[in-house]
C-alpha atoms as a PDB file:
ATOM      1  CA  MET A   1     -66.630 244.539  56.834  1.00  0.00           C
ATOM      2  CA  THR A   2     -67.487 242.163  59.395  1.00  0.00           C
ATOM      3  CA  ARG A   3     -64.987 241.197  62.328  1.00  0.00           C
ATOM      4  CA  LEU A   4     -64.616 237.659  60.607  1.00  0.00           C
ATOM      5  CA  GLY A   5     -63.846 239.287  57.371  1.00  0.00           C
ATOM      6  CA  ALA A   6     -61.291 241.628  58.816  1.00  0.00           C
ATOM      7  CA  TRP A   7     -59.569 238.503  60.664  1.00  0.00           C
ATOM      8  CA  LEU A   8     -59.423 236.653  57.369  1.00  0.00           C
ATOM      9  CA  VAL A   9     -57.800 239.668  55.483  1.00  0.00           C
ATOM     10  CA  THR A  10     -55.215 239.976  58.378  1.00  0.00           C
ATOM     11  CA  PHE A  11     -54.548 235.972  58.447  1.00  0.00           C
ATOM     12  CA  PHE A  12     -54.298 235.841  54.774  1.00  0.00           C
ATOM     13  CA  GLY A  13     -52.197 239.015  54.433  1.00  0.00           C
ATOM     14  CA  ALA A  14     -49.683 237.649  57.094  1.00  0.00           C
ATOM     15  CA  THR A  15     -49.540 234.194  55.363  1.00  0.00           C
ATOM     16  CA  ALA A  16     -48.593 235.938  52.144  1.00  0.00           C
ATOM     17  CA  LEU A  17     -46.108 238.026  53.753  1.00  0.00           C
ATOM     18  CA  LEU A  18     -44.542 234.929  55.341  1.00  0.00           C
ATOM     19  CA  ALA A  19     -44.525 232.971  52.159  1.00  0.00           C
ATOM     20  CA  GLY A  20     -42.845 236.236  50.224  1.00  0.00           C
ATOM     21  CA  ASN A  21     -40.458 236.400  52.947  1.00  0.00           C
ATOM     22  CA  ALA A  22     -39.576 232.762  52.676  1.00  0.00           C
ATOM     23  CA  LEU A  23     -39.101 233.116  48.898  1.00  0.00           C
ATOM     24  CA  ALA A  24     -37.013 236.147  49.372  1.00  0.00           C
ATOM     25  CA  ALA A  25     -34.675 234.359  52.042  1.00  0.00           C
ATOM     26  CA  PRO A  26     -31.143 233.806  50.661  1.00  0.00           C
ATOM     27  CA  LEU A  27     -30.535 230.454  49.116  1.00  0.00           C
ATOM     28  CA  LYS A  28     -27.618 228.926  51.037  1.00  0.00           C
ATOM     29  CA  ILE A  29     -25.339 226.499  49.102  1.00  0.00           C
ATOM     30  CA  GLY A  30     -22.581 224.616  50.831  1.00  0.00           C
ATOM     31  CA  VAL A  31     -19.597 223.859  48.898  1.00  0.00           C
ATOM     32  CA  VAL A  32     -15.914 222.806  49.030  1.00  0.00           C
ATOM     33  CA  PRO A  33     -13.139 225.156  48.027  1.00  0.00           C
ATOM     34  CA  GLY A  34     -12.037 225.011  44.345  1.00  0.00           C
ATOM     35  CA  ILE A  35     -14.138 224.943  41.022  1.00  0.00           C
ATOM     36  CA  PHE A  36     -17.548 223.959  42.911  1.00  0.00           C
ATOM     37  CA  ALA A  37     -17.221 227.157  45.008  1.00  0.00           C
ATOM     38  CA  ASP A  38     -16.047 229.046  42.163  1.00  0.00           C
ATOM     39  CA  SER A  39     -18.567 228.179  39.703  1.00  0.00           C
ATOM     40  CA  VAL A  40     -21.393 228.442  42.375  1.00  0.00           C
ATOM     41  CA  GLU A  41     -20.122 231.932  43.126  1.00  0.00           C
ATOM     42  CA  VAL A  42     -20.365 233.050  39.253  1.00  0.00           C
ATOM     43  CA  ALA A  43     -23.868 231.602  38.980  1.00  0.00           C
ATOM     44  CA  ALA A  44     -24.564 233.364  42.266  1.00  0.00           C
ATOM     45  CA  GLN A  45     -23.774 236.742  40.864  1.00  0.00           C
ATOM     46  CA  GLU A  46     -25.883 236.091  37.769  1.00  0.00           C
ATOM     47  CA  ALA A  47     -28.792 234.907  40.085  1.00  0.00           C
ATOM     48  CA  GLY A  48     -28.490 238.261  41.779  1.00  0.00           C
ATOM     49  CA  LYS A  49     -29.267 240.090  38.680  1.00  0.00           C
ATOM     50  CA  GLN A  50     -32.353 238.093  38.286  1.00  0.00           C
ATOM     51  CA  GLY A  51     -33.513 238.845  41.855  1.00  0.00           C
ATOM     52  CA  LEU A  52     -32.177 235.621  43.550  1.00  0.00           C
ATOM     53  CA  ASP A  53     -30.029 236.159  46.549  1.00  0.00           C
ATOM     54  CA  VAL A  54     -27.639 233.353  47.030  1.00  0.00           C
ATOM     55  CA  GLU A  55     -25.131 232.888  49.817  1.00  0.00           C
ATOM     56  CA  VAL A  56     -22.289 230.599  49.250  1.00  0.00           C
ATOM     57  CA  VAL A  57     -20.912 228.607  52.477  1.00  0.00           C
ATOM     58  CA  GLU A  58     -17.478 226.942  52.371  1.00  0.00           C
ATOM     59  CA  PHE A  59     -16.709 223.921  54.057  1.00  0.00           C
ATOM     60  CA  THR A  60     -13.173 222.281  54.376  1.00  0.00           C
ATOM     61  CA  ASP A  61     -14.425 218.472  55.091  1.00  0.00           C
ATOM     62  CA  TRP A  62     -16.645 216.094  53.576  1.00  0.00           C
ATOM     63  CA  ALA A  63     -18.813 215.244  56.688  1.00  0.00           C
ATOM     64  CA  THR A  64     -20.137 218.664  57.643  1.00  0.00           C
ATOM     65  CA  PRO A  65     -21.921 219.808  54.395  1.00  0.00           C
ATOM     66  CA  ASN A  66     -24.434 216.893  54.649  1.00  0.00           C
ATOM     67  CA  VAL A  67     -25.135 217.464  58.324  1.00  0.00           C
ATOM     68  CA  ALA A  68     -25.692 221.073  57.702  1.00  0.00           C
ATOM     69  CA  LEU A  69     -28.099 220.386  54.861  1.00  0.00           C
ATOM     70  CA  ASP A  70     -29.974 217.656  56.772  1.00  0.00           C
ATOM     71  CA  ALA A  71     -30.446 220.048  59.616  1.00  0.00           C
ATOM     72  CA  GLY A  72     -31.739 222.881  57.256  1.00  0.00           C
ATOM     73  CA  ASP A  73     -28.893 225.225  57.758  1.00  0.00           C
ATOM     74  CA  ILE A  74     -28.108 225.257  54.175  1.00  0.00           C
ATOM     75  CA  ASP A  75     -30.500 224.633  51.195  1.00  0.00           C
ATOM     76  CA  LEU A  76     -28.106 222.884  48.770  1.00  0.00           C
ATOM     77  CA  ASN A  77     -24.756 221.394  48.848  1.00  0.00           C
ATOM     78  CA  TYR A  78     -22.487 220.826  45.877  1.00  0.00           C
ATOM     79  CA  TYR A  79     -19.457 218.500  46.684  1.00  0.00           C
ATOM     80  CA  GLN A  80     -20.422 214.960  46.625  1.00  0.00           C
ATOM     81  CA  ASN A  81     -21.149 212.196  43.813  1.00  0.00           C
ATOM     82  CA  SER A  82     -24.360 210.236  44.057  1.00  0.00           C
ATOM     83  CA  ASN A  83     -22.420 207.145  45.321  1.00  0.00           C
ATOM     84  CA  TYR A  84     -20.942 209.189  48.245  1.00  0.00           C
ATOM     85  CA  LEU A  85     -24.512 210.467  49.021  1.00  0.00           C
ATOM     86  CA  ALA A  86     -25.997 206.955  48.809  1.00  0.00           C
ATOM     87  CA  ASN A  87     -23.558 205.755  51.291  1.00  0.00           C
ATOM     88  CA  ALA A  88     -23.993 208.824  53.663  1.00  0.00           C
ATOM     89  CA  ILE A  89     -27.909 208.118  53.594  1.00  0.00           C
ATOM     90  CA  ARG A  90     -27.320 204.493  54.365  1.00  0.00           C
ATOM     91  CA  ASP A  91     -24.904 205.341  57.274  1.00  0.00           C
ATOM     92  CA  LYS A  92     -26.699 208.426  58.736  1.00  0.00           C
ATOM     93  CA  GLY A  93     -30.145 208.169  57.791  1.00  0.00           C
ATOM     94  CA  PHE A  94     -30.198 211.519  56.034  1.00  0.00           C
ATOM     95  CA  SER A  95     -33.227 212.484  53.997  1.00  0.00           C
ATOM     96  CA  LEU A  96     -31.312 213.830  51.113  1.00  0.00           C
ATOM     97  CA  THR A  97     -31.745 213.579  47.272  1.00  0.00           C
ATOM     98  CA  SER A  98     -29.781 214.839  44.278  1.00  0.00           C
ATOM     99  CA  VAL A  99     -31.353 217.533  42.241  1.00  0.00           C
ATOM    100  CA  GLN A 100     -28.914 217.786  39.349  1.00  0.00           C
ATOM    101  CA  PRO A 101     -25.585 216.500  38.241  1.00  0.00           C
ATOM    102  CA  GLY A 102     -22.960 218.945  37.942  1.00  0.00           C
ATOM    103  CA  ILE A 103     -19.117 218.579  37.128  1.00  0.00           C
ATOM    104  CA  LEU A 104     -17.570 214.994  36.853  1.00  0.00           C
ATOM    105  CA  SER A 105     -13.901 215.790  37.914  1.00  0.00           C
ATOM    106  CA  TYR A 106     -11.942 212.751  37.049  1.00  0.00           C
ATOM    107  CA  LEU A 107      -9.829 211.021  39.632  1.00  0.00           C
ATOM    108  CA  GLY A 108      -6.073 210.661  38.821  1.00  0.00           C
ATOM    109  CA  LEU A 109      -3.182 208.835  40.105  1.00  0.00           C
ATOM    110  CA  TYR A 110      -0.115 211.296  40.719  1.00  0.00           C
ATOM    111  CA  SER A 111       3.513 210.802  41.521  1.00  0.00           C
ATOM    112  CA  LEU A 112       6.135 213.639  42.231  1.00  0.00           C
ATOM    113  CA  ARG A 113       8.867 210.897  42.411  1.00  0.00           C
ATOM    114  CA  HIS A 114       8.316 208.526  39.402  1.00  0.00           C
ATOM    115  CA  LYS A 115       7.526 209.538  35.815  1.00  0.00           C
ATOM    116  CA  SER A 116       5.567 206.499  34.898  1.00  0.00           C
ATOM    117  CA  LEU A 117       3.410 203.788  36.814  1.00  0.00           C
ATOM    118  CA  ASP A 118       5.951 201.365  35.532  1.00  0.00           C
ATOM    119  CA  ASP A 119       8.648 203.137  37.679  1.00  0.00           C
ATOM    120  CA  LEU A 120       6.928 202.395  40.879  1.00  0.00           C
ATOM    121  CA  PRO A 121       9.236 200.236  42.994  1.00  0.00           C
ATOM    122  CA  GLN A 122       8.513 197.323  44.946  1.00  0.00           C
ATOM    123  CA  GLY A 123       6.639 198.115  48.196  1.00  0.00           C
ATOM    124  CA  ALA A 124       5.734 201.617  46.834  1.00  0.00           C
ATOM    125  CA  LYS A 125       3.789 203.547  49.235  1.00  0.00           C
ATOM    126  CA  VAL A 126       0.597 204.704  47.892  1.00  0.00           C
ATOM    127  CA  ALA A 127      -1.955 207.379  49.329  1.00  0.00           C
ATOM    128  CA  ILE A 128      -5.680 206.924  49.135  1.00  0.00           C
ATOM    129  CA  ALA A 129      -8.729 208.583  50.453  1.00  0.00           C
ATOM    130  CA  SER A 130     -10.097 207.296  53.658  1.00  0.00           C
ATOM    131  CA  ASP A 131     -13.838 207.336  53.120  1.00  0.00           C
ATOM    132  CA  PRO A 132     -15.387 204.239  51.863  1.00  0.00           C
ATOM    133  CA  VAL A 133     -16.641 205.437  48.337  1.00  0.00           C
ATOM    134  CA  ASN A 134     -13.419 206.977  47.419  1.00  0.00           C
ATOM    135  CA  ILE A 135     -11.344 203.920  48.641  1.00  0.00           C
ATOM    136  CA  GLY A 136     -13.286 201.849  46.201  1.00  0.00           C
ATOM    137  CA  ARG A 137     -12.948 204.521  43.372  1.00  0.00           C
ATOM    138  CA  ALA A 138      -9.143 204.509  44.047  1.00  0.00           C
ATOM    139  CA  LEU A 139      -8.669 200.694  43.974  1.00  0.00           C
ATOM    140  CA  ARG A 140     -10.758 200.402  40.609  1.00  0.00           C
ATOM    141  CA  LEU A 141      -8.503 203.185  39.202  1.00  0.00           C
ATOM    142  CA  LEU A 142      -5.490 201.020  40.240  1.00  0.00           C
ATOM    143  CA  GLN A 143      -6.879 198.006  39.001  1.00  0.00           C
ATOM    144  CA  HIS A 144      -7.644 199.955  35.738  1.00  0.00           C
ATOM    145  CA  ALA A 145      -3.991 201.015  35.720  1.00  0.00           C
ATOM    146  CA  GLY A 146      -2.717 197.361  35.937  1.00  0.00           C
ATOM    147  CA  LEU A 147      -1.566 198.042  39.478  1.00  0.00           C
ATOM    148  CA  VAL A 148      -3.726 195.520  41.400  1.00  0.00           C
ATOM    149  CA  THR A 149      -6.310 192.938  40.783  1.00  0.00           C
ATOM    150  CA  LEU A 150      -9.726 193.062  42.948  1.00  0.00           C
ATOM    151  CA  ARG A 151     -11.715 189.951  43.822  1.00  0.00           C
ATOM    152  CA  PRO A 152     -14.399 189.144  41.166  1.00  0.00           C
ATOM    153  CA  GLY A 153     -17.703 190.649  42.034  1.00  0.00           C
ATOM    154  CA  THR A 154     -16.193 193.553  44.266  1.00  0.00           C
ATOM    155  CA  GLY A 155     -18.677 196.381  44.132  1.00  0.00           C
ATOM    156  CA  LEU A 156     -18.489 200.115  44.590  1.00  0.00           C
ATOM    157  CA  LEU A 157     -17.159 199.928  48.209  1.00  0.00           C
ATOM    158  CA  ALA A 158     -14.208 197.984  47.605  1.00  0.00           C
ATOM    159  CA  GLU A 159     -11.778 197.683  50.542  1.00  0.00           C
ATOM    160  CA  LEU A 160      -8.121 197.015  50.857  1.00  0.00           C
ATOM    161  CA  LYS A 161      -9.128 193.327  51.793  1.00  0.00           C
ATOM    162  CA  ASP A 162     -10.824 192.988  48.233  1.00  0.00           C
ATOM    163  CA  ILE A 163      -7.144 193.134  46.784  1.00  0.00           C
ATOM    164  CA  GLN A 164      -6.553 189.812  45.321  1.00  0.00           C
ATOM    165  CA  ASP A 165      -3.284 190.519  43.567  1.00  0.00           C
ATOM    166  CA  ASN A 166      -0.853 193.100  44.436  1.00  0.00           C
ATOM    167  CA  PRO A 167       2.438 192.327  42.413  1.00  0.00           C
ATOM    168  CA  LYS A 168       4.307 195.311  43.417  1.00  0.00           C
ATOM    169  CA  GLN A 169       3.354 194.817  47.124  1.00  0.00           C
ATOM    170  CA  LEU A 170       1.954 198.322  47.265  1.00  0.00           C
ATOM    171  CA  GLN A 171       1.553 199.678  50.805  1.00  0.00           C
ATOM    172  CA  PHE A 172      -1.462 202.021  51.371  1.00  0.00           C
ATOM    173  CA  VAL A 173      -1.949 204.984  53.469  1.00  0.00           C
ATOM    174  CA  GLU A 174      -5.461 206.408  53.961  1.00  0.00           C
ATOM    175  CA  VAL A 175      -5.681 209.927  54.359  1.00  0.00           C
ATOM    176  CA  GLU A 176      -9.015 212.266  54.387  1.00  0.00           C
ATOM    177  CA  GLY A 177      -9.646 213.228  50.566  1.00  0.00           C
ATOM    178  CA  PRO A 178      -8.811 217.036  50.763  1.00  0.00           C
ATOM    179  CA  GLN A 179      -5.721 216.192  52.556  1.00  0.00           C
ATOM    180  CA  LEU A 180      -4.199 214.076  49.784  1.00  0.00           C
ATOM    181  CA  VAL A 181      -2.723 216.920  47.923  1.00  0.00           C
ATOM    182  CA  ARG A 182      -0.543 217.685  50.983  1.00  0.00           C
ATOM    183  CA  VAL A 183       0.934 214.173  51.336  1.00  0.00           C
ATOM    184  CA  THR A 184       1.713 213.453  47.528  1.00  0.00           C
ATOM    185  CA  PRO A 185       5.253 214.636  47.890  1.00  0.00           C
ATOM    186  CA  ASP A 186       5.766 212.178  50.884  1.00  0.00           C
ATOM    187  CA  VAL A 187       4.490 208.946  48.807  1.00  0.00           C
ATOM    188  CA  ASP A 188       5.251 207.318  45.625  1.00  0.00           C
ATOM    189  CA  LEU A 189       1.824 207.401  44.197  1.00  0.00           C
ATOM    190  CA  ALA A 190      -1.351 209.242  45.627  1.00  0.00           C
ATOM    191  CA  GLN A 191      -4.922 209.190  44.364  1.00  0.00           C
ATOM    192  CA  GLY A 192      -5.533 212.749  43.320  1.00  0.00           C
ATOM    193  CA  PHE A 193      -8.571 214.855  42.638  1.00  0.00           C
ATOM    194  CA  PRO A 194      -7.685 217.626  40.085  1.00  0.00           C
ATOM    195  CA  TYR A 195      -9.965 220.274  41.516  1.00  0.00           C
ATOM    196  CA  PHE A 196      -8.087 220.174  44.803  1.00  0.00           C
ATOM    197  CA  ILE A 197      -4.935 219.900  43.218  1.00  0.00           C
ATOM    198  CA  ILE A 198      -5.531 222.931  40.939  1.00  0.00           C
ATOM    199  CA  ALA A 199      -6.900 224.752  43.851  1.00  0.00           C
ATOM    200  CA  SER A 200      -3.687 224.352  45.956  1.00  0.00           C
ATOM    201  CA  GLY A 201      -1.323 225.018  43.136  1.00  0.00           C
ATOM    202  CA  ALA A 202       0.972 222.392  44.732  1.00  0.00           C
ATOM    203  CA  PHE A 203       1.686 220.720  41.414  1.00  0.00           C
ATOM    204  CA  ASP A 204       0.519 220.233  37.858  1.00  0.00           C
ATOM    205  CA  ALA A 205      -2.854 218.586  37.697  1.00  0.00           C
ATOM    206  CA  THR A 206      -2.396 217.797  34.223  1.00  0.00           C
ATOM    207  CA  GLN A 207       0.450 215.354  34.926  1.00  0.00           C
ATOM    208  CA  GLY A 208      -1.593 212.483  36.044  1.00  0.00           C
ATOM    209  CA  LEU A 209      -0.201 209.091  35.248  1.00  0.00           C
ATOM    210  CA  SER A 210      -3.770 207.536  34.945  1.00  0.00           C
ATOM    211  CA  TYR A 211      -7.398 209.227  34.980  1.00  0.00           C
ATOM    212  CA  THR A 212     -10.807 207.857  35.495  1.00  0.00           C
ATOM    213  CA  ARG A 213     -12.253 208.907  32.312  1.00  0.00           C
ATOM    214  CA  TYR A 214     -14.136 205.505  31.920  1.00  0.00           C
ATOM    215  CA  GLU A 215     -16.707 206.508  34.842  1.00  0.00           C
ATOM    216  CA  ASP A 216     -20.417 207.122  34.469  1.00  0.00           C
ATOM    217  CA  ASP A 217     -22.293 210.156  35.604  1.00  0.00           C
ATOM    218  CA  SER A 218     -23.033 208.745  39.071  1.00  0.00           C
ATOM    219  CA  TRP A 219     -19.450 210.087  39.681  1.00  0.00           C
ATOM    220  CA  ALA A 220     -20.340 213.588  38.662  1.00  0.00           C
ATOM    221  CA  ILE A 221     -20.746 216.011  41.750  1.00  0.00           C
ATOM    222  CA  HIS A 222     -24.296 216.586  42.203  1.00  0.00           C
ATOM    223  CA  PHE A 223     -26.244 219.515  43.754  1.00  0.00           C
ATOM    224  CA  VAL A 224     -28.176 217.968  46.760  1.00  0.00           C
ATOM    225  CA  ALA A 225     -31.202 219.172  48.760  1.00  0.00           C
ATOM    226  CA  ARG A 226     -33.333 217.982  51.618  1.00  0.00           C
ATOM    227  CA  THR A 227     -35.844 215.572  50.204  1.00  0.00           C
ATOM    228  CA  ASP A 228     -38.680 217.728  51.550  1.00  0.00           C
ATOM    229  CA  ARG A 229     -37.190 220.949  50.042  1.00  0.00           C
ATOM    230  CA  ALA A 230     -36.251 219.625  46.627  1.00  0.00           C
ATOM    231  CA  ASP A 231     -39.242 221.571  44.833  1.00  0.00           C
ATOM    232  CA  ASP A 232     -38.033 224.886  46.383  1.00  0.00           C
ATOM    233  CA  PRO A 233     -38.692 227.491  43.311  1.00  0.00           C
ATOM    234  CA  ARG A 234     -35.475 229.045  44.487  1.00  0.00           C
ATOM    235  CA  ILE A 235     -33.488 225.915  43.833  1.00  0.00           C
ATOM    236  CA  ARG A 236     -35.007 225.357  40.350  1.00  0.00           C
ATOM    237  CA  GLN A 237     -34.257 228.956  39.417  1.00  0.00           C
ATOM    238  CA  PHE A 238     -30.602 228.755  40.540  1.00  0.00           C
ATOM    239  CA  LEU A 239     -29.989 225.239  38.747  1.00  0.00           C
ATOM    240  CA  ASP A 240     -31.339 226.827  35.491  1.00  0.00           C
ATOM    241  CA  ILE A 241     -28.885 229.655  35.626  1.00  0.00           C
ATOM    242  CA  TYR A 242     -26.040 227.214  36.491  1.00  0.00           C
ATOM    243  CA  GLN A 243     -26.718 224.912  33.830  1.00  0.00           C
ATOM    244  CA  ASN A 244     -27.211 227.729  31.079  1.00  0.00           C
ATOM    245  CA  SER A 245     -24.627 230.210  31.988  1.00  0.00           C
ATOM    246  CA  ASN A 246     -21.760 230.615  29.534  1.00  0.00           C
ATOM    247  CA  ALA A 247     -19.957 232.477  32.360  1.00  0.00           C
ATOM    248  CA  VAL A 248     -20.164 229.305  34.535  1.00  0.00           C
ATOM    249  CA  ARG A 249     -18.940 227.100  31.709  1.00  0.00           C
ATOM    250  CA  ASP A 250     -15.957 229.459  30.914  1.00  0.00           C
ATOM    251  CA  THR A 251     -15.007 229.492  34.534  1.00  0.00           C
ATOM    252  CA  ILE A 252     -15.075 225.524  34.799  1.00  0.00           C
ATOM    253  CA  HIS A 253     -12.904 225.264  31.583  1.00  0.00           C
ATOM    254  CA  ALA A 254     -10.441 227.641  32.612  1.00  0.00           C
ATOM    255  CA  PHE A 255     -10.101 226.346  36.098  1.00  0.00           C
ATOM    256  CA  TYR A 256      -9.407 222.854  34.679  1.00  0.00           C
ATOM    257  CA  LEU A 257      -6.618 224.467  32.796  1.00  0.00           C
ATOM    258  CA  ASN A 258      -8.722 224.187  29.481  1.00  0.00           C
ATOM    259  CA  ASP A 259      -7.827 220.261  29.646  1.00  0.00           C
ATOM    260  CA  PRO A 260     -10.767 218.128  29.010  1.00  0.00           C
ATOM    261  CA  ARG A 261      -8.831 215.091  30.369  1.00  0.00           C
ATOM    262  CA  LEU A 262      -9.560 216.464  33.706  1.00  0.00           C
ATOM    263  CA  TYR A 263     -13.301 216.836  33.744  1.00  0.00           C
ATOM    264  CA  ARG A 264     -16.650 217.060  31.888  1.00  0.00           C
ATOM    265  CA  LEU A 265     -20.087 218.791  32.328  1.00  0.00           C
ATOM    266  CA  ALA A 266     -22.424 215.900  33.279  1.00  0.00           C
ATOM    267  CA  TRP A 267     -25.628 217.696  32.474  1.00  0.00           C
ATOM    268  CA  ILE A 268     -24.590 217.999  28.925  1.00  0.00           C
ATOM    269  CA  LYS A 269     -25.353 215.045  26.810  1.00  0.00           C
ATOM    270  CA  ASP A 270     -23.442 214.231  23.687  1.00  0.00           C
END
């Protein structure tokens, strides 16, 4: 063998080894606690049986998972809807893309003080999420429930200033989304995410006074990847497992207390 031939064998052998090592590297998926973490863990166990190593990384806030993904510290995250993602891309310039819809967890209005929305007193204190997308989502739910009216033409990023009519003179308290469960006992009404409520065990997530069952799939929680890594074969393999696993579906249904009022699987079309 010539010197050049030997060099080529060494070069391509090393390249193949590097590629193999990259393919064998653990697929790191960022999640928030609750069913998103739980269902990914179940799929990760099934993936392991198929030779795909998956590492699940839990975050406790809604900002860091996108920062970590954009930096390449993780390969996927699974905690945000596509509207939240679009807003994060506009604000931060992230190069991220949705690769598959997942669970659509309905938003609810919860009260531990009042049995119905009609019982809310004048000046009732209402807790809502502090991020722009979920403020808008809460305000649309409040409008759907007949508690406020928004200005005509108000878009997804509705703000408190967009409230046109507030007959009960509701007073709003903005709280970071994951912390809404903790403040619900201290207010008359709170925006609530069933997956956080169930995970906390703080109160009964099936006792919401109104839900966002009218929302489209853009509000489903999506698996999100860096745009330049969206075609990673490990991602495709994992998502196929997640979509088709009966164990994943059973875990999700059990988590949501077997109550279809609380969620649906956005990748399944009726």
